[in-house]
PDB file of N, CA and C in Angstrom:
ATOM      1  N   UNK A   1      77.046 108.920  42.338  1.00  0.00           N
ATOM      2  CA  UNK A   1      76.242 109.574  41.740  1.00  0.00           C
ATOM      3  C   UNK A   1      76.529 111.191  42.394  1.00  0.00           C
ATOM      4  N   UNK A   2      76.591 111.863  41.538  1.00  0.00           N
ATOM      5  CA  UNK A   2      76.700 113.520  41.864  1.00  0.00           C
ATOM      6  C   UNK A   2      75.099 113.687  42.489  1.00  0.00           C
ATOM      7  N   UNK A   3      74.856 114.615  43.457  1.00  0.00           N
ATOM      8  CA  UNK A   3      73.854 114.798  44.340  1.00  0.00           C
ATOM      9  C   UNK A   3      72.532 115.465  43.226  1.00  0.00           C
ATOM     10  N   UNK A   4      73.199 116.200  42.222  1.00  0.00           N
ATOM     11  CA  UNK A   4      72.105 116.817  41.235  1.00  0.00           C
ATOM     12  C   UNK A   4      71.752 116.108  40.392  1.00  0.00           C
ATOM     13  N   UNK A   5      72.141 115.083  39.820  1.00  0.00           N
ATOM     14  CA  UNK A   5      72.047 114.039  39.001  1.00  0.00           C
ATOM     15  C   UNK A   5      70.987 113.035  39.545  1.00  0.00           C
ATOM     16  N   UNK A   6      70.830 112.830  41.109  1.00  0.00           N
ATOM     17  CA  UNK A   6      70.091 111.883  41.543  1.00  0.00           C
ATOM     18  C   UNK A   6      68.803 112.674  41.951  1.00  0.00           C
ATOM     19  N   UNK A   7      68.832 114.063  42.132  1.00  0.00           N
ATOM     20  CA  UNK A   7      67.650 115.002  42.096  1.00  0.00           C
ATOM     21  C   UNK A   7      66.873 114.828  40.443  1.00  0.00           C
ATOM     22  N   UNK A   8      67.589 115.184  39.495  1.00  0.00           N
ATOM     23  CA  UNK A   8      67.277 115.167  38.173  1.00  0.00           C
ATOM     24  C   UNK A   8      66.650 113.566  37.789  1.00  0.00           C
ATOM     25  N   UNK A   9      67.131 112.576  38.260  1.00  0.00           N
ATOM     26  CA  UNK A   9      66.730 111.470  37.795  1.00  0.00           C
ATOM     27  C   UNK A   9      65.266 111.300  38.834  1.00  0.00           C
ATOM     28  N   UNK A  10      65.118 111.643  39.932  1.00  0.00           N
ATOM     29  CA  UNK A  10      64.049 111.872  40.815  1.00  0.00           C
ATOM     30  C   UNK A  10      62.763 112.364  39.892  1.00  0.00           C
ATOM     31  N   UNK A  11      63.260 113.604  39.641  1.00  0.00           N
ATOM     32  CA  UNK A  11      62.467 114.650  38.983  1.00  0.00           C
ATOM     33  C   UNK A  11      62.082 113.703  37.275  1.00  0.00           C
ATOM     34  N   UNK A  12      62.842 113.304  36.594  1.00  0.00           N
ATOM     35  CA  UNK A  12      62.496 112.583  35.601  1.00  0.00           C
ATOM     36  C   UNK A  12      61.168 111.570  36.075  1.00  0.00           C
ATOM     37  N   UNK A  13      61.353 110.689  36.972  1.00  0.00           N
ATOM     38  CA  UNK A  13      60.241 109.339  37.420  1.00  0.00           C
ATOM     39  C   UNK A  13      59.424 110.123  38.130  1.00  0.00           C
ATOM     40  N   UNK A  14      59.335 111.435  38.306  1.00  0.00           N
ATOM     41  CA  UNK A  14      58.143 111.998  38.981  1.00  0.00           C
ATOM     42  C   UNK A  14      56.559 111.770  38.573  1.00  0.00           C
ATOM     43  N   UNK A  15      55.857 110.977  39.483  1.00  0.00           N
ATOM     44  CA  UNK A  15      54.293 110.503  38.607  1.00  0.00           C
ATOM     45  C   UNK A  15      54.537 108.855  38.149  1.00  0.00           C
ATOM     46  N   UNK A  16      55.738 108.624  38.622  1.00  0.00           N
ATOM     47  CA  UNK A  16      55.728 106.828  37.982  1.00  0.00           C
ATOM     48  C   UNK A  16      56.372 106.379  39.238  1.00  0.00           C
ATOM     49  N   UNK A  17      55.712 104.819  39.027  1.00  0.00           N
ATOM     50  CA  UNK A  17      56.120 104.096  40.011  1.00  0.00           C
ATOM     51  C   UNK A  17      57.577 103.690  40.064  1.00  0.00           C
ATOM     52  N   UNK A  18      58.064 103.565  41.126  1.00  0.00           N
ATOM     53  CA  UNK A  18      59.539 103.135  41.241  1.00  0.00           C
ATOM     54  C   UNK A  18      59.758 102.166  42.715  1.00  0.00           C
ATOM     55  N   UNK A  19      60.556 101.504  42.452  1.00  0.00           N
ATOM     56  CA  UNK A  19      61.080 100.604  43.373  1.00  0.00           C
ATOM     57  C   UNK A  19      62.196 101.503  44.078  1.00  0.00           C
ATOM     58  N   UNK A  20      62.281 101.296  45.373  1.00  0.00           N
ATOM     59  CA  UNK A  20      64.018 101.691  46.365  1.00  0.00           C
ATOM     60  C   UNK A  20      64.303 100.735  47.106  1.00  0.00           C
ATOM     61  N   UNK A  21      65.467 100.159  47.196  1.00  0.00           N
ATOM     62  CA  UNK A  21      65.810  99.276  48.121  1.00  0.00           C
ATOM     63  C   UNK A  21      66.705  99.668  48.993  1.00  0.00           C
ATOM     64  N   UNK A  22      66.203  99.891  50.587  1.00  0.00           N
ATOM     65  CA  UNK A  22      67.217 100.606  51.261  1.00  0.00           C
ATOM     66  C   UNK A  22      68.576  99.834  51.708  1.00  0.00           C
ATOM     67  N   UNK A  23      69.254 100.376  52.308  1.00  0.00           N
ATOM     68  CA  UNK A  23      70.459  99.570  53.091  1.00  0.00           C
ATOM     69  C   UNK A  23      70.080  98.629  53.933  1.00  0.00           C
ATOM     70  N   UNK A  24      69.266  98.706  54.642  1.00  0.00           N
ATOM     71  CA  UNK A  24      68.832  97.455  55.551  1.00  0.00           C
ATOM     72  C   UNK A  24      67.626  96.259  54.785  1.00  0.00           C
ATOM     73  N   UNK A  25      67.872  96.693  53.537  1.00  0.00           N
ATOM     74  CA  UNK A  25      67.083  95.639  52.336  1.00  0.00           C
ATOM     75  C   UNK A  25      65.766  95.805  52.226  1.00  0.00           C
ATOM     76  N   UNK A  26      65.211  96.816  52.817  1.00  0.00           N
ATOM     77  CA  UNK A  26      63.612  97.042  53.026  1.00  0.00           C
ATOM     78  C   UNK A  26      63.692  97.886  51.814  1.00  0.00           C
ATOM     79  N   UNK A  27      62.383  97.423  51.145  1.00  0.00           N
ATOM     80  CA  UNK A  27      62.082  97.686  49.812  1.00  0.00           C
ATOM     81  C   UNK A  27      60.806  98.653  49.772  1.00  0.00           C
ATOM     82  N   UNK A  28      61.158  99.647  49.311  1.00  0.00           N
ATOM     83  CA  UNK A  28      59.681 100.742  49.311  1.00  0.00           C
ATOM     84  C   UNK A  28      59.472 101.275  47.669  1.00  0.00           C
ATOM     85  N   UNK A  29      58.014 100.469  47.535  1.00  0.00           N
ATOM     86  CA  UNK A  29      57.181 100.678  46.409  1.00  0.00           C
ATOM     87  C   UNK A  29      56.442 101.918  46.388  1.00  0.00           C
ATOM     88  N   UNK A  30      56.722 102.485  45.297  1.00  0.00           N
ATOM     89  CA  UNK A  30      55.240 103.646  45.128  1.00  0.00           C
ATOM     90  C   UNK A  30      55.412 104.755  43.997  1.00  0.00           C
ATOM     91  N   UNK A  31      54.335 105.629  43.919  1.00  0.00           N
ATOM     92  CA  UNK A  31      54.672 106.391  42.989  1.00  0.00           C
ATOM     93  C   UNK A  31      55.525 107.958  43.435  1.00  0.00           C
ATOM     94  N   UNK A  32      56.264 108.654  42.765  1.00  0.00           N
ATOM     95  CA  UNK A  32      56.768 109.413  43.511  1.00  0.00           C
ATOM     96  C   UNK A  32      55.984 110.461  43.106  1.00  0.00           C
ATOM     97  N   UNK A  33      55.494 111.397  44.295  1.00  0.00           N
ATOM     98  CA  UNK A  33      54.551 112.506  44.369  1.00  0.00           C
ATOM     99  C   UNK A  33      55.159 113.967  44.009  1.00  0.00           C
ATOM    100  N   UNK A  34      56.295 114.020  44.874  1.00  0.00           N
ATOM    101  CA  UNK A  34      56.936 115.045  45.381  1.00  0.00           C
ATOM    102  C   UNK A  34      58.503 115.151  45.076  1.00  0.00           C
ATOM    103  N   UNK A  35      59.140 115.987  44.770  1.00  0.00           N
ATOM    104  CA  UNK A  35      60.532 115.825  45.105  1.00  0.00           C
ATOM    105  C   UNK A  35      60.938 117.240  45.091  1.00  0.00           C
ATOM    106  N   UNK A  36      61.853 117.638  46.336  1.00  0.00           N
ATOM    107  CA  UNK A  36      62.515 118.361  46.443  1.00  0.00           C
ATOM    108  C   UNK A  36      64.198 118.233  46.569  1.00  0.00           C
ATOM    109  N   UNK A  37      64.836 119.178  46.936  1.00  0.00           N
ATOM    110  CA  UNK A  37      66.437 119.090  47.145  1.00  0.00           C
ATOM    111  C   UNK A  37      66.767 118.122  48.161  1.00  0.00           C
ATOM    112  N   UNK A  38      65.740 118.149  49.096  1.00  0.00           N
ATOM    113  CA  UNK A  38      66.292 117.031  50.239  1.00  0.00           C
ATOM    114  C   UNK A  38      65.541 115.779  50.320  1.00  0.00           C
ATOM    115  N   UNK A  39      64.224 115.431  49.788  1.00  0.00           N
ATOM    116  CA  UNK A  39      63.293 114.444  49.911  1.00  0.00           C
ATOM    117  C   UNK A  39      62.956 114.092  48.768  1.00  0.00           C
ATOM    118  N   UNK A  40      62.714 112.492  48.755  1.00  0.00           N
ATOM    119  CA  UNK A  40      61.300 112.152  47.632  1.00  0.00           C
ATOM    120  C   UNK A  40      60.285 111.555  48.591  1.00  0.00           C
ATOM    121  N   UNK A  41      58.920 112.136  47.855  1.00  0.00           N
ATOM    122  CA  UNK A  41      57.857 111.746  48.459  1.00  0.00           C
ATOM    123  C   UNK A  41      57.180 110.667  47.739  1.00  0.00           C
ATOM    124  N   UNK A  42      57.123 109.179  47.885  1.00  0.00           N
ATOM    125  CA  UNK A  42      56.406 108.069  47.679  1.00  0.00           C
ATOM    126  C   UNK A  42      55.063 107.776  48.112  1.00  0.00           C
ATOM    127  N   UNK A  43      54.054 107.503  46.881  1.00  0.00           N
ATOM    128  CA  UNK A  43      52.570 107.392  47.370  1.00  0.00           C
ATOM    129  C   UNK A  43      52.612 105.742  47.440  1.00  0.00           C
ATOM    130  N   UNK A  44      52.904 105.041  48.427  1.00  0.00           N
ATOM    131  CA  UNK A  44      52.765 103.712  48.660  1.00  0.00           C
ATOM    132  C   UNK A  44      51.675 102.792  47.856  1.00  0.00           C
ATOM    133  N   UNK A  45      52.382 101.977  47.256  1.00  0.00           N
ATOM    134  CA  UNK A  45      51.381 100.891  46.406  1.00  0.00           C
ATOM    135  C   UNK A  45      51.498  99.216  47.003  1.00  0.00           C
ATOM    136  N   UNK A  46      50.444  98.566  47.101  1.00  0.00           N
ATOM    137  CA  UNK A  46      50.166  97.296  47.436  1.00  0.00           C
ATOM    138  C   UNK A  46      50.751  97.223  48.786  1.00  0.00           C
ATOM    139  N   UNK A  47      49.536  97.482  49.459  1.00  0.00           N
ATOM    140  CA  UNK A  47      49.636  97.531  51.088  1.00  0.00           C
ATOM    141  C   UNK A  47      49.495  96.281  51.511  1.00  0.00           C
ATOM    142  N   UNK A  48      48.937  95.286  50.611  1.00  0.00           N
ATOM    143  CA  UNK A  48      48.800  93.764  51.143  1.00  0.00           C
ATOM    144  C   UNK A  48      47.238  93.874  51.874  1.00  0.00           C
ATOM    145  N   UNK A  49      46.330  94.574  51.746  1.00  0.00           N
ATOM    146  CA  UNK A  49      44.896  94.724  51.927  1.00  0.00           C
ATOM    147  C   UNK A  49      45.109  95.199  53.413  1.00  0.00           C
ATOM    148  N   UNK A  50      45.927  95.717  54.298  1.00  0.00           N
ATOM    149  CA  UNK A  50      45.833  96.145  55.598  1.00  0.00           C
ATOM    150  C   UNK A  50      46.567  98.009  55.542  1.00  0.00           C
ATOM    151  N   UNK A  51      45.771  98.634  54.557  1.00  0.00           N
ATOM    152  CA  UNK A  51      45.812 100.069  54.277  1.00  0.00           C
ATOM    153  C   UNK A  51      45.661 101.023  55.515  1.00  0.00           C
ATOM    154  N   UNK A  52      45.619 101.888  55.076  1.00  0.00           N
ATOM    155  CA  UNK A  52      45.295 103.067  56.268  1.00  0.00           C
ATOM    156  C   UNK A  52      44.267 103.744  56.605  1.00  0.00           C
ATOM    157  N   UNK A  53      43.082 103.017  55.970  1.00  0.00           N
ATOM    158  CA  UNK A  53      41.786 103.543  55.703  1.00  0.00           C
ATOM    159  C   UNK A  53      41.715 104.936  55.102  1.00  0.00           C
ATOM    160  N   UNK A  54      40.638 105.653  55.588  1.00  0.00           N
ATOM    161  CA  UNK A  54      40.055 106.708  54.722  1.00  0.00           C
ATOM    162  C   UNK A  54      40.781 107.952  55.583  1.00  0.00           C
ATOM    163  N   UNK A  55      41.172 107.727  56.893  1.00  0.00           N
ATOM    164  CA  UNK A  55      41.513 109.064  57.548  1.00  0.00           C
ATOM    165  C   UNK A  55      42.857 108.642  57.962  1.00  0.00           C
ATOM    166  N   UNK A  56      43.898 109.879  58.199  1.00  0.00           N
ATOM    167  CA  UNK A  56      44.907 109.716  58.694  1.00  0.00           C
ATOM    168  C   UNK A  56      46.005 109.655  57.601  1.00  0.00           C
ATOM    169  N   UNK A  57      46.751 108.857  57.822  1.00  0.00           N
ATOM    170  CA  UNK A  57      47.822 108.741  56.770  1.00  0.00           C
ATOM    171  C   UNK A  57      49.458 108.985  57.211  1.00  0.00           C
ATOM    172  N   UNK A  58      50.117 109.380  56.830  1.00  0.00           N
ATOM    173  CA  UNK A  58      51.436 110.095  56.584  1.00  0.00           C
ATOM    174  C   UNK A  58      51.205 111.700  57.017  1.00  0.00           C
ATOM    175  N   UNK A  59      50.033 112.371  57.245  1.00  0.00           N
ATOM    176  CA  UNK A  59      49.928 113.818  57.803  1.00  0.00           C
ATOM    177  C   UNK A  59      49.944 114.387  56.759  1.00  0.00           C
ATOM    178  N   UNK A  60      50.414 115.572  56.382  1.00  0.00           N
ATOM    179  CA  UNK A  60      50.383 116.485  55.325  1.00  0.00           C
ATOM    180  C   UNK A  60      50.856 116.346  54.323  1.00  0.00           C
ATOM    181  N   UNK A  61      50.188 115.910  53.225  1.00  0.00           N
ATOM    182  CA  UNK A  61      50.369 115.568  51.897  1.00  0.00           C
ATOM    183  C   UNK A  61      50.207 114.281  51.448  1.00  0.00           C
ATOM    184  N   UNK A  62      50.693 113.778  50.273  1.00  0.00           N
ATOM    185  CA  UNK A  62      50.616 112.274  50.295  1.00  0.00           C
ATOM    186  C   UNK A  62      52.121 111.501  50.226  1.00  0.00           C
ATOM    187  N   UNK A  63      52.105 110.495  50.677  1.00  0.00           N
ATOM    188  CA  UNK A  63      53.364 109.585  50.735  1.00  0.00           C
ATOM    189  C   UNK A  63      54.121 110.228  51.747  1.00  0.00           C
ATOM    190  N   UNK A  64      55.617 109.626  51.866  1.00  0.00           N
ATOM    191  CA  UNK A  64      56.274 110.004  52.968  1.00  0.00           C
ATOM    192  C   UNK A  64      57.515 110.083  51.824  1.00  0.00           C
ATOM    193  N   UNK A  65      58.438 110.943  52.898  1.00  0.00           N
ATOM    194  CA  UNK A  65      59.685 111.376  52.305  1.00  0.00           C
ATOM    195  C   UNK A  65      60.821 110.515  52.578  1.00  0.00           C
ATOM    196  N   UNK A  66      61.828 110.167  51.781  1.00  0.00           N
ATOM    197  CA  UNK A  66      62.919 109.622  51.622  1.00  0.00           C
ATOM    198  C   UNK A  66      64.303 110.514  51.163  1.00  0.00           C
ATOM    199  N   UNK A  67      65.112 110.711  51.888  1.00  0.00           N
ATOM    200  CA  UNK A  67      66.208 111.664  51.617  1.00  0.00           C
ATOM    201  C   UNK A  67      66.948 111.197  50.430  1.00  0.00           C
ATOM    202  N   UNK A  68      67.290 112.056  49.874  1.00  0.00           N
ATOM    203  CA  UNK A  68      67.763 112.026  48.440  1.00  0.00           C
ATOM    204  C   UNK A  68      69.262 111.385  48.317  1.00  0.00           C
ATOM    205  N   UNK A  69      69.936 111.751  49.872  1.00  0.00           N
ATOM    206  CA  UNK A  69      71.106 111.087  50.293  1.00  0.00           C
ATOM    207  C   UNK A  69      71.108 109.832  50.526  1.00  0.00           C
ATOM    208  N   UNK A  70      69.795 108.959  51.096  1.00  0.00           N
ATOM    209  CA  UNK A  70      69.547 107.811  51.119  1.00  0.00           C
ATOM    210  C   UNK A  70      69.393 107.014  50.119  1.00  0.00           C
ATOM    211  N   UNK A  71      68.899 107.693  48.907  1.00  0.00           N
ATOM    212  CA  UNK A  71      68.669 107.115  47.672  1.00  0.00           C
ATOM    213  C   UNK A  71      70.071 107.076  46.648  1.00  0.00           C
ATOM    214  N   UNK A  72      70.849 108.236  47.357  1.00  0.00           N
ATOM    215  CA  UNK A  72      72.300 108.538  46.423  1.00  0.00           C
ATOM    216  C   UNK A  72      73.485 106.954  46.875  1.00  0.00           C
ATOM    217  N   UNK A  73      73.153 107.013  48.508  1.00  0.00           N
ATOM    218  CA  UNK A  73      73.663 105.614  48.949  1.00  0.00           C
ATOM    219  C   UNK A  73      73.391 104.555  48.460  1.00  0.00           C
ATOM    220  N   UNK A  74      71.990 104.203  48.111  1.00  0.00           N
ATOM    221  CA  UNK A  74      71.462 102.825  47.670  1.00  0.00           C
ATOM    222  C   UNK A  74      72.359 102.897  46.451  1.00  0.00           C
ATOM    223  N   UNK A  75      72.361 103.747  45.577  1.00  0.00           N
ATOM    224  CA  UNK A  75      73.134 103.725  43.970  1.00  0.00           C
ATOM    225  C   UNK A  75      74.480 103.651  44.182  1.00  0.00           C
ATOM    226  N   UNK A  76      74.917 104.146  45.043  1.00  0.00           N
ATOM    227  CA  UNK A  76      76.366 104.130  45.094  1.00  0.00           C
ATOM    228  C   UNK A  76      76.753 102.484  45.645  1.00  0.00           C
ATOM    229  N   UNK A  77      76.312 102.074  46.531  1.00  0.00           N
ATOM    230  CA  UNK A  77      76.394 100.767  46.920  1.00  0.00           C
ATOM    231  C   UNK A  77      75.993  99.744  45.774  1.00  0.00           C
ATOM    232  N   UNK A  78      75.112 100.030  45.179  1.00  0.00           N
ATOM    233  CA  UNK A  78      74.865  98.900  43.687  1.00  0.00           C
ATOM    234  C   UNK A  78      75.701  99.269  42.939  1.00  0.00           C
ATOM    235  N   UNK A  79      76.287 100.281  42.878  1.00  0.00           N
ATOM    236  CA  UNK A  79      77.769 100.408  41.749  1.00  0.00           C
ATOM    237  C   UNK A  79      78.851  99.618  42.277  1.00  0.00           C
ATOM    238  N   UNK A  80      79.263  99.491  43.621  1.00  0.00           N
ATOM    239  CA  UNK A  80      80.416  98.766  44.240  1.00  0.00           C
ATOM    240  C   UNK A  80      79.790  97.647  44.246  1.00  0.00           C
ATOM    241  N   UNK A  81      78.599  97.102  44.163  1.00  0.00           N
ATOM    242  CA  UNK A  81      78.306  95.239  44.267  1.00  0.00           C
ATOM    243  C   UNK A  81      78.065  94.920  43.146  1.00  0.00           C
ATOM    244  N   UNK A  82      78.064  95.808  42.143  1.00  0.00           N
ATOM    245  CA  UNK A  82      77.322  95.371  40.536  1.00  0.00           C
ATOM    246  C   UNK A  82      78.580  94.576  40.200  1.00  0.00           C
TER     247      UNK A  82
END
């Protein structure tokens, strides 16, 4: 999937809950809070009762960035193993 299509897909689901599986098998579940050409920020959900409290978190802004190249790799890997 071309890079621009992946960016547009992330923009389409901005503000919605998504599940992204990494190459290492780790699953990221959260709401897309911000998208730019290099990163996608997720606000995590279902922290299992062991959240980060009222202070701190991930620093500036909400959620944490995942590189669009990482997400593109996941999509391409799933296409080959489908």
